[in-house]
N, C-alpha and C. Protein backbone atom coordinates (compact mmCIF):
# COMPACT_ATOMS: atom_id res chain seq x y z
N MET A 1 -12.61 6.71 -3.08
CA MET A 1 -13.12 7.88 -3.75
C MET A 1 -13.08 9.09 -2.80
N SER A 2 -13.49 8.88 -1.57
CA SER A 2 -13.50 10.00 -0.61
C SER A 2 -12.14 10.57 -0.40
N TYR A 3 -11.12 9.71 -0.42
CA TYR A 3 -9.72 10.12 -0.21
C TYR A 3 -9.35 11.16 -1.28
N TYR A 4 -9.69 10.86 -2.52
CA TYR A 4 -9.31 11.74 -3.63
C TYR A 4 -10.16 13.03 -3.64
N VAL A 5 -11.45 12.93 -3.28
CA VAL A 5 -12.28 14.12 -3.26
C VAL A 5 -11.78 15.08 -2.18
N ILE A 6 -11.40 14.54 -1.02
CA ILE A 6 -10.88 15.42 0.03
C ILE A 6 -9.61 16.10 -0.36
N ILE A 7 -8.70 15.37 -1.04
CA ILE A 7 -7.48 15.93 -1.53
C ILE A 7 -7.70 17.00 -2.54
N LEU A 8 -8.58 16.79 -3.48
CA LEU A 8 -8.89 17.76 -4.53
C LEU A 8 -9.59 18.98 -3.96
N ASN A 9 -10.31 18.84 -2.87
CA ASN A 9 -11.05 19.97 -2.29
C ASN A 9 -10.22 20.91 -1.46
N VAL A 10 -8.97 20.53 -1.18
CA VAL A 10 -8.12 21.39 -0.34
C VAL A 10 -7.96 22.79 -0.95
N ASN A 11 -7.96 22.87 -2.25
CA ASN A 11 -7.81 24.13 -2.96
C ASN A 11 -8.99 25.09 -2.75
N ASN A 12 -10.18 24.53 -2.47
CA ASN A 12 -11.39 25.30 -2.30
C ASN A 12 -11.64 25.78 -0.88
N LEU A 13 -10.79 25.37 0.07
CA LEU A 13 -11.00 25.73 1.47
C LEU A 13 -10.59 27.16 1.68
N SER A 14 -11.18 27.78 2.75
CA SER A 14 -10.83 29.17 3.07
C SER A 14 -9.42 29.25 3.64
N GLY A 15 -8.88 30.41 3.58
CA GLY A 15 -7.50 30.63 4.09
C GLY A 15 -6.46 30.47 3.03
N ASP A 16 -5.23 30.49 3.42
CA ASP A 16 -4.08 30.38 2.49
C ASP A 16 -4.01 28.99 1.93
N ARG A 17 -4.05 28.83 0.63
CA ARG A 17 -4.05 27.49 0.04
C ARG A 17 -2.76 26.74 0.28
N PHE A 18 -1.64 27.47 0.42
CA PHE A 18 -0.36 26.80 0.65
C PHE A 18 -0.30 26.22 2.05
N VAL A 19 -0.86 26.98 3.03
CA VAL A 19 -0.94 26.51 4.41
C VAL A 19 -1.87 25.31 4.44
N ASN A 20 -2.99 25.35 3.75
CA ASN A 20 -3.92 24.24 3.72
C ASN A 20 -3.31 22.98 3.17
N VAL A 21 -2.52 23.12 2.09
CA VAL A 21 -1.84 21.96 1.50
C VAL A 21 -0.80 21.40 2.46
N ALA A 22 -0.09 22.30 3.17
CA ALA A 22 0.88 21.84 4.16
C ALA A 22 0.26 21.08 5.30
N ILE A 23 -0.86 21.60 5.78
CA ILE A 23 -1.59 20.91 6.87
C ILE A 23 -2.12 19.58 6.38
N SER A 24 -2.63 19.55 5.13
CA SER A 24 -3.13 18.33 4.56
C SER A 24 -2.03 17.27 4.45
N GLY A 25 -0.86 17.67 4.02
CA GLY A 25 0.27 16.77 3.95
C GLY A 25 0.69 16.26 5.32
N ALA A 26 0.61 17.15 6.34
CA ALA A 26 0.92 16.73 7.71
C ALA A 26 -0.06 15.68 8.22
N MET A 27 -1.33 15.87 7.83
CA MET A 27 -2.34 14.84 8.23
C MET A 27 -2.01 13.47 7.65
N GLU A 28 -1.46 13.46 6.45
CA GLU A 28 -1.06 12.20 5.83
C GLU A 28 0.05 11.53 6.62
N LEU A 29 1.02 12.32 7.08
CA LEU A 29 2.10 11.75 7.93
C LEU A 29 1.59 11.24 9.27
N VAL A 30 0.69 12.00 9.86
CA VAL A 30 0.10 11.58 11.14
C VAL A 30 -0.67 10.28 10.95
N ALA A 31 -1.39 10.17 9.84
CA ALA A 31 -2.17 8.98 9.53
C ALA A 31 -1.24 7.76 9.41
N LEU A 32 -0.09 7.90 8.79
CA LEU A 32 0.82 6.81 8.60
C LEU A 32 1.40 6.36 9.96
N VAL A 33 1.63 7.28 10.89
CA VAL A 33 2.13 6.92 12.17
C VAL A 33 1.03 6.24 13.00
N LEU A 34 -0.19 6.77 12.95
CA LEU A 34 -1.33 6.19 13.67
C LEU A 34 -1.66 4.81 13.13
N PHE A 35 -1.41 4.57 11.86
CA PHE A 35 -1.71 3.30 11.23
C PHE A 35 -1.05 2.14 12.00
N TYR A 36 0.22 2.29 12.27
CA TYR A 36 0.95 1.19 12.95
C TYR A 36 0.42 0.99 14.38
N VAL A 37 0.02 2.06 15.06
CA VAL A 37 -0.47 1.96 16.43
C VAL A 37 -1.87 1.33 16.46
N ILE A 38 -2.75 1.86 15.61
CA ILE A 38 -4.18 1.47 15.63
C ILE A 38 -4.37 0.03 15.14
N VAL A 39 -3.72 -0.35 14.06
CA VAL A 39 -3.94 -1.68 13.49
C VAL A 39 -3.49 -2.77 14.47
N ASP A 40 -2.43 -2.57 15.15
CA ASP A 40 -1.98 -3.60 16.10
C ASP A 40 -2.80 -3.55 17.41
N SER A 41 -3.33 -2.42 17.77
CA SER A 41 -4.05 -2.31 19.02
C SER A 41 -5.49 -2.81 18.88
N PHE A 42 -6.18 -2.38 17.83
CA PHE A 42 -7.60 -2.67 17.70
C PHE A 42 -7.93 -3.73 16.66
N GLY A 43 -6.98 -4.15 15.88
CA GLY A 43 -7.27 -5.08 14.81
C GLY A 43 -7.62 -4.37 13.50
N ARG A 44 -7.66 -5.10 12.44
CA ARG A 44 -7.88 -4.47 11.13
C ARG A 44 -9.31 -4.05 10.93
N ARG A 45 -10.25 -4.90 11.27
CA ARG A 45 -11.67 -4.64 11.00
C ARG A 45 -12.17 -3.47 11.82
N LYS A 46 -11.93 -3.51 13.14
CA LYS A 46 -12.41 -2.42 14.01
C LYS A 46 -11.73 -1.08 13.62
N SER A 47 -10.44 -1.12 13.31
CA SER A 47 -9.74 0.10 12.96
C SER A 47 -10.35 0.74 11.72
N TYR A 48 -10.64 -0.10 10.70
CA TYR A 48 -11.21 0.44 9.49
C TYR A 48 -12.59 1.02 9.77
N MET A 49 -13.42 0.29 10.53
CA MET A 49 -14.76 0.72 10.75
C MET A 49 -14.78 2.02 11.58
N ILE A 50 -13.93 2.15 12.59
CA ILE A 50 -13.92 3.34 13.42
C ILE A 50 -13.44 4.54 12.59
N THR A 51 -12.33 4.39 11.89
CA THR A 51 -11.79 5.54 11.15
C THR A 51 -12.72 5.99 10.02
N MET A 52 -13.32 5.06 9.32
CA MET A 52 -14.21 5.44 8.22
C MET A 52 -15.54 5.97 8.74
N ALA A 53 -16.01 5.54 9.88
CA ALA A 53 -17.21 6.13 10.49
C ALA A 53 -16.95 7.57 10.87
N CYS A 54 -15.75 7.84 11.42
CA CYS A 54 -15.37 9.20 11.75
C CYS A 54 -15.29 10.05 10.50
N CYS A 55 -14.74 9.48 9.43
CA CYS A 55 -14.60 10.17 8.16
C CYS A 55 -16.00 10.53 7.63
N ALA A 56 -16.94 9.58 7.64
CA ALA A 56 -18.30 9.83 7.16
C ALA A 56 -18.98 10.91 7.98
N ALA A 57 -18.79 10.88 9.33
CA ALA A 57 -19.40 11.90 10.13
C ALA A 57 -18.83 13.29 9.83
N GLY A 58 -17.50 13.39 9.65
CA GLY A 58 -16.91 14.67 9.32
C GLY A 58 -17.37 15.20 7.97
N ILE A 59 -17.49 14.32 6.97
CA ILE A 59 -17.93 14.74 5.64
C ILE A 59 -19.39 15.16 5.70
N ALA A 60 -20.21 14.41 6.41
CA ALA A 60 -21.65 14.76 6.49
C ALA A 60 -21.91 16.04 7.21
N LEU A 61 -21.03 16.40 8.19
CA LEU A 61 -21.21 17.65 8.96
C LEU A 61 -20.63 18.89 8.27
N THR A 62 -19.88 18.66 7.20
CA THR A 62 -19.24 19.81 6.51
C THR A 62 -20.24 20.83 5.98
N PRO A 63 -21.35 20.45 5.34
CA PRO A 63 -22.30 21.46 4.88
C PRO A 63 -22.90 22.29 6.02
N LEU A 64 -23.10 21.65 7.20
CA LEU A 64 -23.62 22.41 8.34
C LEU A 64 -22.57 23.34 8.90
N ALA A 65 -21.32 22.88 8.91
CA ALA A 65 -20.24 23.73 9.42
C ALA A 65 -20.02 24.95 8.55
N ALA A 66 -20.28 24.83 7.23
CA ALA A 66 -20.11 25.93 6.30
C ALA A 66 -21.05 27.11 6.67
N ILE A 67 -22.16 26.80 7.30
CA ILE A 67 -23.08 27.86 7.69
C ILE A 67 -22.53 28.67 8.84
N TRP A 68 -21.83 27.99 9.78
CA TRP A 68 -21.38 28.63 10.99
C TRP A 68 -20.00 29.31 10.85
N ASN A 69 -19.01 28.57 10.41
CA ASN A 69 -17.65 29.06 10.44
C ASN A 69 -16.78 28.39 9.39
N SER A 70 -15.98 29.15 8.66
CA SER A 70 -15.17 28.57 7.60
C SER A 70 -14.01 27.80 8.22
N TYR A 71 -13.55 28.16 9.43
CA TYR A 71 -12.48 27.45 10.06
C TYR A 71 -12.93 26.08 10.56
N LEU A 72 -14.21 25.96 10.88
CA LEU A 72 -14.77 24.67 11.26
C LEU A 72 -14.76 23.73 10.05
N VAL A 73 -15.07 24.30 8.89
CA VAL A 73 -15.04 23.49 7.64
C VAL A 73 -13.60 23.02 7.39
N LEU A 74 -12.59 23.89 7.64
CA LEU A 74 -11.21 23.50 7.47
C LEU A 74 -10.82 22.38 8.43
N ALA A 75 -11.27 22.50 9.70
CA ALA A 75 -10.97 21.47 10.72
C ALA A 75 -11.60 20.14 10.35
N LEU A 76 -12.85 20.20 9.88
CA LEU A 76 -13.56 18.92 9.47
C LEU A 76 -12.90 18.34 8.24
N SER A 77 -12.45 19.17 7.34
CA SER A 77 -11.79 18.66 6.15
C SER A 77 -10.47 17.99 6.47
N MET A 78 -9.72 18.57 7.38
CA MET A 78 -8.47 17.98 7.79
C MET A 78 -8.69 16.70 8.61
N CYS A 79 -9.76 16.65 9.40
CA CYS A 79 -10.12 15.44 10.08
C CYS A 79 -10.48 14.35 9.10
N GLY A 80 -11.23 14.76 8.03
CA GLY A 80 -11.59 13.83 6.98
C GLY A 80 -10.38 13.33 6.23
N ARG A 81 -9.39 14.22 6.02
CA ARG A 81 -8.14 13.85 5.34
C ARG A 81 -7.39 12.80 6.19
N LEU A 82 -7.30 13.06 7.49
CA LEU A 82 -6.60 12.15 8.39
C LEU A 82 -7.26 10.80 8.41
N THR A 83 -8.60 10.75 8.58
CA THR A 83 -9.28 9.46 8.68
C THR A 83 -9.35 8.74 7.36
N SER A 84 -9.51 9.47 6.27
CA SER A 84 -9.53 8.78 4.98
C SER A 84 -8.18 8.24 4.59
N SER A 85 -7.11 8.97 4.92
CA SER A 85 -5.75 8.42 4.68
C SER A 85 -5.49 7.21 5.53
N LEU A 86 -5.96 7.26 6.77
CA LEU A 86 -5.81 6.10 7.66
C LEU A 86 -6.64 4.90 7.17
N GLY A 87 -7.84 5.15 6.78
CA GLY A 87 -8.68 4.08 6.22
C GLY A 87 -8.13 3.51 4.94
N PHE A 88 -7.56 4.35 4.08
CA PHE A 88 -6.94 3.90 2.82
C PHE A 88 -5.77 2.95 3.12
N ALA A 89 -4.97 3.33 4.06
CA ALA A 89 -3.82 2.49 4.43
C ALA A 89 -4.27 1.16 5.07
N ILE A 90 -5.29 1.26 5.91
CA ILE A 90 -5.77 0.02 6.58
C ILE A 90 -6.38 -0.94 5.57
N ILE A 91 -7.17 -0.45 4.63
CA ILE A 91 -7.86 -1.35 3.70
C ILE A 91 -6.89 -2.01 2.75
N PHE A 92 -5.84 -1.29 2.39
CA PHE A 92 -4.84 -1.94 1.52
C PHE A 92 -4.05 -2.99 2.24
N PHE A 93 -3.88 -2.79 3.54
CA PHE A 93 -3.19 -3.78 4.37
C PHE A 93 -4.09 -4.95 4.69
N TYR A 94 -5.35 -4.65 4.95
CA TYR A 94 -6.34 -5.64 5.42
C TYR A 94 -6.74 -6.63 4.32
N HIS A 95 -7.05 -6.13 3.13
CA HIS A 95 -7.56 -7.05 2.11
C HIS A 95 -6.55 -8.06 1.61
N VAL A 96 -5.25 -7.73 1.74
CA VAL A 96 -4.22 -8.66 1.31
C VAL A 96 -4.21 -9.92 2.19
N GLU A 97 -4.63 -9.79 3.41
CA GLU A 97 -4.56 -10.92 4.34
C GLU A 97 -5.70 -11.92 4.14
N PHE A 98 -6.68 -11.58 3.32
CA PHE A 98 -7.78 -12.52 3.04
C PHE A 98 -7.44 -13.58 2.03
N PHE A 99 -6.60 -13.23 1.09
CA PHE A 99 -6.41 -14.03 -0.12
C PHE A 99 -5.19 -14.94 -0.03
N PRO A 100 -5.27 -16.10 -0.70
CA PRO A 100 -4.13 -17.03 -0.65
C PRO A 100 -2.93 -16.49 -1.35
N THR A 101 -1.78 -17.01 -1.00
CA THR A 101 -0.50 -16.53 -1.54
C THR A 101 -0.44 -16.53 -3.06
N PRO A 102 -0.90 -17.55 -3.75
CA PRO A 102 -0.76 -17.56 -5.24
C PRO A 102 -1.55 -16.41 -5.94
N THR A 103 -2.63 -15.94 -5.28
CA THR A 103 -3.45 -14.89 -5.91
C THR A 103 -3.33 -13.53 -5.31
N ARG A 104 -2.49 -13.41 -4.31
CA ARG A 104 -2.38 -12.14 -3.55
C ARG A 104 -1.99 -10.96 -4.38
N GLN A 105 -0.97 -11.12 -5.23
CA GLN A 105 -0.52 -10.00 -6.09
C GLN A 105 -1.57 -9.62 -7.11
N THR A 106 -2.29 -10.62 -7.63
CA THR A 106 -3.32 -10.30 -8.58
C THR A 106 -4.44 -9.49 -7.94
N VAL A 107 -4.81 -9.90 -6.73
CA VAL A 107 -5.85 -9.18 -6.00
C VAL A 107 -5.39 -7.77 -5.68
N MET A 108 -4.13 -7.62 -5.27
CA MET A 108 -3.61 -6.25 -5.01
C MET A 108 -3.72 -5.40 -6.27
N GLY A 109 -3.43 -5.96 -7.43
CA GLY A 109 -3.52 -5.23 -8.68
C GLY A 109 -4.97 -4.82 -8.97
N VAL A 110 -5.89 -5.74 -8.78
CA VAL A 110 -7.32 -5.43 -9.02
C VAL A 110 -7.82 -4.34 -8.07
N CYS A 111 -7.43 -4.43 -6.80
CA CYS A 111 -7.85 -3.41 -5.82
C CYS A 111 -7.23 -2.06 -6.14
N ALA A 112 -5.96 -2.06 -6.59
CA ALA A 112 -5.35 -0.78 -6.98
C ALA A 112 -6.05 -0.20 -8.18
N ALA A 113 -6.45 -1.03 -9.15
CA ALA A 113 -7.17 -0.54 -10.29
C ALA A 113 -8.56 0.03 -9.91
N CYS A 114 -9.23 -0.59 -8.95
CA CYS A 114 -10.53 -0.08 -8.47
C CYS A 114 -10.32 1.25 -7.76
N ALA A 115 -9.21 1.40 -7.02
CA ALA A 115 -8.92 2.67 -6.36
C ALA A 115 -8.69 3.77 -7.40
N ARG A 116 -8.03 3.42 -8.55
CA ARG A 116 -7.85 4.41 -9.57
C ARG A 116 -9.17 4.82 -10.22
N ILE A 117 -10.10 3.89 -10.26
CA ILE A 117 -11.45 4.28 -10.77
C ILE A 117 -12.09 5.30 -9.84
N GLY A 118 -11.91 5.12 -8.56
CA GLY A 118 -12.38 6.12 -7.58
C GLY A 118 -11.68 7.50 -7.81
N GLY A 119 -10.40 7.47 -8.17
CA GLY A 119 -9.69 8.69 -8.53
C GLY A 119 -10.26 9.36 -9.75
N ILE A 120 -10.69 8.56 -10.73
CA ILE A 120 -11.25 9.14 -11.97
C ILE A 120 -12.62 9.76 -11.68
N ILE A 121 -13.42 9.11 -10.80
CA ILE A 121 -14.77 9.59 -10.53
C ILE A 121 -14.74 10.83 -9.60
N SER A 122 -13.75 10.92 -8.75
CA SER A 122 -13.76 11.97 -7.72
C SER A 122 -13.93 13.42 -8.19
N PRO A 123 -13.31 13.83 -9.28
CA PRO A 123 -13.58 15.25 -9.71
C PRO A 123 -15.04 15.48 -10.08
N TYR A 124 -15.74 14.47 -10.62
CA TYR A 124 -17.16 14.63 -10.95
C TYR A 124 -17.97 14.70 -9.69
N VAL A 125 -17.60 13.94 -8.66
CA VAL A 125 -18.32 14.00 -7.38
C VAL A 125 -18.11 15.33 -6.74
N LEU A 126 -16.92 15.88 -6.82
CA LEU A 126 -16.57 17.16 -6.19
C LEU A 126 -17.42 18.31 -6.80
N HIS A 127 -17.66 18.22 -8.09
CA HIS A 127 -18.44 19.26 -8.78
C HIS A 127 -19.90 18.87 -9.05
N ALA A 128 -20.38 17.89 -8.28
CA ALA A 128 -21.74 17.43 -8.52
C ALA A 128 -22.77 18.46 -8.09
N GLY A 129 -22.48 19.25 -7.06
CA GLY A 129 -23.42 20.26 -6.59
C GLY A 129 -23.57 21.41 -7.58
N GLU A 130 -24.71 21.98 -7.69
CA GLU A 130 -24.94 23.10 -8.58
C GLU A 130 -24.57 24.42 -7.87
N ASN A 131 -23.86 25.30 -8.61
CA ASN A 131 -23.47 26.63 -8.11
C ASN A 131 -22.74 26.59 -6.79
N GLY A 132 -21.80 25.65 -6.68
CA GLY A 132 -20.99 25.57 -5.44
C GLY A 132 -21.71 24.90 -4.29
N GLU A 133 -22.83 24.27 -4.49
CA GLU A 133 -23.56 23.56 -3.43
C GLU A 133 -22.76 22.34 -3.00
N VAL A 134 -22.48 22.24 -1.66
CA VAL A 134 -21.62 21.15 -1.22
C VAL A 134 -22.42 20.02 -0.54
N ALA A 135 -23.69 20.28 -0.25
CA ALA A 135 -24.48 19.31 0.53
C ALA A 135 -24.61 17.97 -0.22
N ALA A 136 -24.95 18.02 -1.50
CA ALA A 136 -25.16 16.79 -2.28
C ALA A 136 -23.91 15.91 -2.36
N PRO A 137 -22.76 16.47 -2.75
CA PRO A 137 -21.55 15.63 -2.77
C PRO A 137 -21.17 15.08 -1.38
N CYS A 138 -21.29 15.91 -0.35
CA CYS A 138 -20.91 15.45 0.99
C CYS A 138 -21.80 14.34 1.48
N ILE A 139 -23.10 14.49 1.31
CA ILE A 139 -24.03 13.46 1.78
C ILE A 139 -23.84 12.18 0.96
N GLY A 140 -23.66 12.36 -0.38
CA GLY A 140 -23.41 11.19 -1.21
C GLY A 140 -22.22 10.38 -0.80
N MET A 141 -21.10 11.11 -0.52
CA MET A 141 -19.85 10.43 -0.09
C MET A 141 -20.05 9.78 1.25
N ALA A 142 -20.74 10.47 2.18
CA ALA A 142 -20.96 9.89 3.54
C ALA A 142 -21.78 8.61 3.44
N VAL A 143 -22.77 8.58 2.55
CA VAL A 143 -23.58 7.37 2.42
C VAL A 143 -22.75 6.21 1.85
N VAL A 144 -21.87 6.51 0.89
CA VAL A 144 -21.01 5.46 0.31
C VAL A 144 -20.07 4.89 1.39
N ILE A 145 -19.52 5.80 2.20
CA ILE A 145 -18.57 5.39 3.30
C ILE A 145 -19.32 4.54 4.32
N VAL A 146 -20.53 4.98 4.70
CA VAL A 146 -21.32 4.20 5.72
C VAL A 146 -21.66 2.83 5.15
N LEU A 147 -21.97 2.73 3.87
CA LEU A 147 -22.23 1.41 3.25
C LEU A 147 -20.94 0.53 3.29
N SER A 148 -19.80 1.15 3.06
CA SER A 148 -18.54 0.40 3.16
C SER A 148 -18.31 -0.13 4.57
N VAL A 149 -18.57 0.68 5.56
CA VAL A 149 -18.41 0.29 6.96
C VAL A 149 -19.39 -0.84 7.29
N ALA A 150 -20.64 -0.72 6.82
CA ALA A 150 -21.67 -1.75 7.12
C ALA A 150 -21.27 -3.08 6.47
N LEU A 151 -20.74 -3.08 5.27
CA LEU A 151 -20.34 -4.31 4.60
C LEU A 151 -19.11 -4.92 5.25
N ASN A 152 -18.32 -4.11 5.88
CA ASN A 152 -17.09 -4.55 6.55
C ASN A 152 -17.38 -5.43 7.78
N ILE A 153 -18.59 -5.33 8.29
CA ILE A 153 -18.99 -6.13 9.47
C ILE A 153 -18.88 -7.62 9.14
N PHE A 154 -19.11 -7.99 7.87
CA PHE A 154 -19.16 -9.38 7.49
C PHE A 154 -17.78 -9.98 7.19
N LEU A 155 -16.72 -9.14 7.26
CA LEU A 155 -15.38 -9.67 6.98
C LEU A 155 -14.77 -10.17 8.28
N PRO A 156 -13.91 -11.21 8.21
CA PRO A 156 -13.28 -11.70 9.42
C PRO A 156 -12.10 -10.81 9.89
N GLU A 157 -11.79 -10.91 11.14
CA GLU A 157 -10.62 -10.23 11.70
C GLU A 157 -9.38 -11.07 11.34
N THR A 158 -8.33 -10.40 10.85
CA THR A 158 -7.14 -11.13 10.44
C THR A 158 -5.93 -10.89 11.35
N ARG A 159 -6.08 -10.11 12.37
CA ARG A 159 -4.95 -9.85 13.26
C ARG A 159 -4.51 -11.11 13.97
N ASP A 160 -3.22 -11.32 14.02
CA ASP A 160 -2.61 -12.54 14.69
C ASP A 160 -3.10 -13.84 14.09
N GLN A 161 -3.44 -13.83 12.81
CA GLN A 161 -3.89 -15.04 12.15
C GLN A 161 -2.87 -15.36 11.04
N PRO A 162 -2.61 -16.63 10.75
CA PRO A 162 -1.67 -16.98 9.67
C PRO A 162 -2.27 -16.61 8.31
N LEU A 163 -1.40 -16.17 7.42
CA LEU A 163 -1.85 -15.90 6.07
C LEU A 163 -2.26 -17.21 5.37
N PRO A 164 -3.36 -17.19 4.65
CA PRO A 164 -3.79 -18.40 3.93
C PRO A 164 -2.83 -18.70 2.79
N GLN A 165 -2.51 -19.96 2.67
CA GLN A 165 -1.55 -20.39 1.62
C GLN A 165 -2.27 -20.95 0.37
N ASN A 166 -3.55 -21.24 0.54
CA ASN A 166 -4.34 -21.74 -0.58
C ASN A 166 -5.80 -21.32 -0.39
N VAL A 167 -6.62 -21.70 -1.37
CA VAL A 167 -8.02 -21.28 -1.32
C VAL A 167 -8.75 -21.86 -0.12
N ALA A 168 -8.40 -23.12 0.23
CA ALA A 168 -9.02 -23.74 1.41
C ALA A 168 -8.73 -22.95 2.69
N GLY A 169 -7.52 -22.38 2.83
CA GLY A 169 -7.18 -21.56 3.96
C GLY A 169 -7.96 -20.28 3.99
N SER A 170 -8.22 -19.71 2.83
CA SER A 170 -9.04 -18.50 2.73
C SER A 170 -10.49 -18.77 3.14
N LEU A 171 -11.00 -19.94 2.73
CA LEU A 171 -12.38 -20.29 3.04
C LEU A 171 -12.54 -20.57 4.54
N LYS A 172 -11.49 -21.05 5.22
CA LYS A 172 -11.57 -21.27 6.63
C LYS A 172 -11.69 -19.97 7.39
N MET A 173 -11.14 -18.90 6.83
CA MET A 173 -11.22 -17.58 7.48
C MET A 173 -12.67 -17.14 7.59
N LYS A 174 -13.54 -17.61 6.71
CA LYS A 174 -14.95 -17.21 6.76
C LYS A 174 -15.58 -17.64 8.07
N GLY A 175 -15.09 -18.75 8.64
CA GLY A 175 -15.61 -19.21 9.90
C GLY A 175 -15.23 -18.37 11.08
N ARG A 176 -14.22 -17.48 10.90
CA ARG A 176 -13.78 -16.58 11.98
C ARG A 176 -14.52 -15.29 11.96
N CYS A 177 -15.53 -15.13 11.12
CA CYS A 177 -16.33 -13.92 11.09
C CYS A 177 -17.49 -14.11 12.03
N TYR A 178 -17.32 -13.61 13.29
CA TYR A 178 -18.36 -13.77 14.31
C TYR A 178 -19.25 -12.54 14.28
N CYS A 179 -20.20 -12.54 13.36
CA CYS A 179 -21.13 -11.43 13.30
C CYS A 179 -22.14 -11.52 14.41
N VAL A 180 -23.04 -10.61 14.46
CA VAL A 180 -23.97 -10.52 15.61
C VAL A 180 -25.17 -11.46 15.31
N THR A 181 -24.88 -12.75 15.23
CA THR A 181 -25.92 -13.73 14.97
C THR A 181 -25.74 -14.92 15.92
N GLU A 182 -26.78 -15.69 16.04
CA GLU A 182 -26.71 -16.88 16.89
C GLU A 182 -25.73 -17.88 16.31
N SER A 183 -25.74 -18.04 14.95
CA SER A 183 -24.86 -18.99 14.34
C SER A 183 -23.39 -18.57 14.52
N GLY A 184 -23.19 -17.26 14.50
CA GLY A 184 -21.79 -16.75 14.73
C GLY A 184 -21.32 -17.04 16.14
N GLU A 185 -22.20 -16.91 17.13
CA GLU A 185 -21.84 -17.24 18.49
C GLU A 185 -21.56 -18.76 18.62
N LYS A 186 -22.36 -19.60 17.96
CA LYS A 186 -22.12 -21.05 18.02
C LYS A 186 -20.81 -21.39 17.41
N GLN A 187 -20.48 -20.74 16.28
CA GLN A 187 -19.19 -21.01 15.59
C GLN A 187 -18.02 -20.56 16.48
N LYS A 188 -18.20 -19.42 17.17
CA LYS A 188 -17.15 -18.97 18.07
C LYS A 188 -16.89 -19.94 19.18
N LYS A 189 -17.96 -20.43 19.79
CA LYS A 189 -17.84 -21.43 20.88
C LYS A 189 -17.18 -22.70 20.36
N LYS A 190 -17.56 -23.08 19.15
CA LYS A 190 -17.00 -24.32 18.55
C LYS A 190 -15.49 -24.16 18.32
N ASP A 191 -15.10 -22.97 17.78
CA ASP A 191 -13.70 -22.73 17.56
C ASP A 191 -12.88 -22.71 18.86
N LEU A 192 -13.50 -22.08 19.90
CA LEU A 192 -12.77 -22.02 21.20
C LEU A 192 -12.67 -23.37 21.87
N ALA A 193 -13.64 -24.27 21.57
CA ALA A 193 -13.64 -25.60 22.19
C ALA A 193 -12.59 -26.50 21.57
N GLN A 194 -12.16 -26.19 20.30
CA GLN A 194 -11.19 -27.07 19.65
C GLN A 194 -9.81 -26.88 20.26
N PRO A 195 -9.09 -27.94 20.53
CA PRO A 195 -7.77 -27.82 21.12
C PRO A 195 -6.78 -27.21 20.12
N ALA A 196 -5.83 -26.48 20.67
CA ALA A 196 -4.82 -25.83 19.84
C ALA A 196 -3.87 -26.92 19.28
N ILE A 197 -3.48 -26.76 18.07
CA ILE A 197 -2.57 -27.74 17.40
C ILE A 197 -1.15 -27.21 17.57
N SER A 198 -0.33 -28.00 18.21
CA SER A 198 1.10 -27.60 18.39
C SER A 198 1.96 -28.28 17.35
N ILE A 199 2.92 -27.53 16.83
CA ILE A 199 3.81 -28.07 15.80
C ILE A 199 5.18 -28.25 16.39
């Protein structure tokens, strides 16, 4: 949803709208290049959490920046566009690796449909503030993004892991979610103690 709200808001930013759209498109290209570097370097889960936390911070600071300088609003909006584009690419790549091969395309279709629902809601979120008030939509979007980042903690890391071929393989991935708990640490030690299987 935040991705679409940021895209739709480009027209409302100060300055030349054509330059703003060009910069916004450039941010999309930069995000696609960074995607390949960040996902392989930091893993899927950390990459998503870092980029979306930056996106939430930029969106939450936008109402404060509007008080000081319109160019600061433009910079935060473009930072939000970069990080939301990057997060959008990561999450589409990341969620596919959780599900077994027979259901992977179905899950992709369901996730794409949910993303379109976010696209339908986004114009209403953009105009939620009264008389051009931007604080309510910005804070609302930042809260939703922070909730997404918090829930992402419970997902396993899929970098350098084989794709699950069946439901049993997907359920085994749950054991690789080493959250900040004692049981997670025990599971991690147990997994590390098991000998590697050579084929």
